[in-house]
Amino acid sequence: MKVNPIGDRVLVKLEEVEEKTASGIFIPQTAQEKTQTGIVEAVGDDESITVKPGQKVMYDKYAGTTIKVDGKDMLLVRMSDVMAIIE
């Protein structure tokens, strides 16, 4: 399935959370904190969008709508919810 954002929306592939610490202790999903970073997969057609596919971005903690695309967790957010480009 292919998702093409429209307007000022950006599709972000969520980063996977480590399930195990460096010392080998497993962390249950209920105790894991959601990451607020991901990789831009696609962007809408609005001129205000300043990110490009492939860039790593940080977004607002409560932003967007989580969806599954081909079994991967994605987040559809407005450009205004993208806070930074991480290099």
C-alpha atoms as a PDB file:
ATOM      1  CA  MET A   1       0.000   0.000   0.000  1.00  0.00           C
ATOM      2  CA  LYS A   2       1.282   3.482  -0.824  1.00  0.00           C
ATOM      3  CA  VAL A   3       0.284   6.544   1.197  1.00  0.00           C
ATOM      4  CA  ASN A   4       0.685   9.986  -0.393  1.00  0.00           C
ATOM      5  CA  PRO A   5       0.171  12.857   2.068  1.00  0.00           C
ATOM      6  CA  ILE A   6      -1.757  15.877   0.820  1.00  0.00           C
ATOM      7  CA  GLY A   7      -1.507  19.539   1.744  1.00  0.00           C
ATOM      8  CA  ASP A   8       0.914  20.348   4.559  1.00  0.00           C
ATOM      9  CA  ARG A   9       1.184  16.789   5.851  1.00  0.00           C
ATOM     10  CA  VAL A  10       4.320  14.666   6.187  1.00  0.00           C
ATOM     11  CA  LEU A  11       4.513  10.848   6.447  1.00  0.00           C
ATOM     12  CA  VAL A  12       7.169   9.784   8.965  1.00  0.00           C
ATOM     13  CA  LYS A  13       8.460   6.244   9.514  1.00  0.00           C
ATOM     14  CA  LEU A  14       8.780   5.776  13.272  1.00  0.00           C
ATOM     15  CA  GLU A  15      12.090   4.649  14.723  1.00  0.00           C
ATOM     16  CA  GLU A  16      12.014   1.275  16.416  1.00  0.00           C
ATOM     17  CA  VAL A  17      12.500   1.283  20.181  1.00  0.00           C
ATOM     18  CA  GLU A  18      15.204  -0.860  21.739  1.00  0.00           C
ATOM     19  CA  GLU A  19      13.614  -3.766  23.587  1.00  0.00           C
ATOM     20  CA  LYS A  20      16.762  -4.679  25.465  1.00  0.00           C
ATOM     21  CA  THR A  21      19.311  -2.632  27.420  1.00  0.00           C
ATOM     22  CA  ALA A  22      23.047  -2.810  26.758  1.00  0.00           C
ATOM     23  CA  SER A  23      23.405  -5.203  29.704  1.00  0.00           C
ATOM     24  CA  GLY A  24      20.786  -7.572  28.260  1.00  0.00           C
ATOM     25  CA  ILE A  25      17.725  -6.693  30.350  1.00  0.00           C
ATOM     26  CA  PHE A  26      14.465  -6.825  28.377  1.00  0.00           C
ATOM     27  CA  ILE A  27      12.155  -3.805  28.666  1.00  0.00           C
ATOM     28  CA  PRO A  28       8.414  -4.552  28.420  1.00  0.00           C
ATOM     29  CA  GLN A  29       6.462  -2.491  25.875  1.00  0.00           C
ATOM     30  CA  THR A  30       4.413  -0.860  28.632  1.00  0.00           C
ATOM     31  CA  ALA A  31       7.596   0.620  30.123  1.00  0.00           C
ATOM     32  CA  GLN A  32       9.090   1.828  26.844  1.00  0.00           C
ATOM     33  CA  GLU A  33       8.909   5.511  26.037  1.00  0.00           C
ATOM     34  CA  LYS A  34       7.752   6.433  22.532  1.00  0.00           C
ATOM     35  CA  THR A  35      10.417   8.034  20.404  1.00  0.00           C
ATOM     36  CA  GLN A  36       9.752  11.412  18.867  1.00  0.00           C
ATOM     37  CA  THR A  37      12.007  10.948  15.878  1.00  0.00           C
ATOM     38  CA  GLY A  38      11.646   9.253  12.541  1.00  0.00           C
ATOM     39  CA  ILE A  39      12.545   9.280   8.857  1.00  0.00           C
ATOM     40  CA  VAL A  40      10.455  11.281   6.374  1.00  0.00           C
ATOM     41  CA  GLU A  41       8.942   8.851   3.854  1.00  0.00           C
ATOM     42  CA  ALA A  42       6.735  11.216   1.823  1.00  0.00           C
ATOM     43  CA  VAL A  43       5.573  14.838   1.860  1.00  0.00           C
ATOM     44  CA  GLY A  44       2.433  16.659   0.742  1.00  0.00           C
ATOM     45  CA  ASP A  45       2.179  19.198  -2.048  1.00  0.00           C
ATOM     46  CA  ASP A  46       2.062  22.380   0.054  1.00  0.00           C
ATOM     47  CA  GLU A  47       4.771  24.998  -0.555  1.00  0.00           C
ATOM     48  CA  SER A  48       5.340  25.437   3.202  1.00  0.00           C
ATOM     49  CA  ILE A  49       6.923  21.979   3.563  1.00  0.00           C
ATOM     50  CA  THR A  50      10.653  22.312   4.267  1.00  0.00           C
ATOM     51  CA  VAL A  51      11.609  18.655   4.785  1.00  0.00           C
ATOM     52  CA  LYS A  52      12.462  16.046   2.164  1.00  0.00           C
ATOM     53  CA  PRO A  53      12.087  12.258   2.058  1.00  0.00           C
ATOM     54  CA  GLY A  54      15.020  10.542   3.749  1.00  0.00           C
ATOM     55  CA  GLN A  55      15.628  13.239   6.364  1.00  0.00           C
ATOM     56  CA  LYS A  56      15.511  12.367  10.066  1.00  0.00           C
ATOM     57  CA  VAL A  57      13.133  14.644  11.958  1.00  0.00           C
ATOM     58  CA  MET A  58      11.890  15.290  15.484  1.00  0.00           C
ATOM     59  CA  TYR A  59       8.164  15.890  15.906  1.00  0.00           C
ATOM     60  CA  ASP A  60       5.818  17.027  18.670  1.00  0.00           C
ATOM     61  CA  LYS A  61       5.030  14.302  21.224  1.00  0.00           C
ATOM     62  CA  TYR A  62       1.248  14.346  20.755  1.00  0.00           C
ATOM     63  CA  ALA A  63       1.213  15.086  17.024  1.00  0.00           C
ATOM     64  CA  GLY A  64      -0.317  13.214  14.144  1.00  0.00           C
ATOM     65  CA  THR A  65      -2.119   9.988  13.455  1.00  0.00           C
ATOM     66  CA  THR A  66      -0.396   6.604  13.725  1.00  0.00           C
ATOM     67  CA  ILE A  67      -1.015   4.211  10.827  1.00  0.00           C
ATOM     68  CA  LYS A  68       0.440   0.879   9.654  1.00  0.00           C
ATOM     69  CA  VAL A  69       1.780   0.714   6.109  1.00  0.00           C
ATOM     70  CA  ASP A  70       3.006  -2.698   4.954  1.00  0.00           C
ATOM     71  CA  GLY A  71       3.436  -3.751   8.590  1.00  0.00           C
ATOM     72  CA  LYS A  72       5.528  -0.700   9.552  1.00  0.00           C
ATOM     73  CA  ASP A  73       4.437   1.971  12.013  1.00  0.00           C
ATOM     74  CA  MET A  74       4.088   5.379  10.367  1.00  0.00           C
ATOM     75  CA  LEU A  75       2.910   8.761  11.601  1.00  0.00           C
ATOM     76  CA  LEU A  76       1.034  11.302   9.505  1.00  0.00           C
ATOM     77  CA  VAL A  77       1.779  14.792  10.904  1.00  0.00           C
ATOM     78  CA  ARG A  78       1.313  18.399   9.854  1.00  0.00           C
ATOM     79  CA  MET A  79       4.463  20.277   8.876  1.00  0.00           C
ATOM     80  CA  SER A  80       3.878  22.611  11.842  1.00  0.00           C
ATOM     81  CA  ASP A  81       4.314  19.605  14.178  1.00  0.00           C
ATOM     82  CA  VAL A  82       7.812  18.879  12.824  1.00  0.00           C
ATOM     83  CA  MET A  83      10.155  20.638  15.256  1.00  0.00           C
ATOM     84  CA  ALA A  84      13.637  19.891  13.881  1.00  0.00           C
ATOM     85  CA  ILE A  85      15.709  18.178  11.221  1.00  0.00           C
ATOM     86  CA  ILE A  86      18.339  15.911  12.788  1.00  0.00           C
ATOM     87  CA  GLU A  87      21.682  15.653  10.980  1.00  0.00           C
END
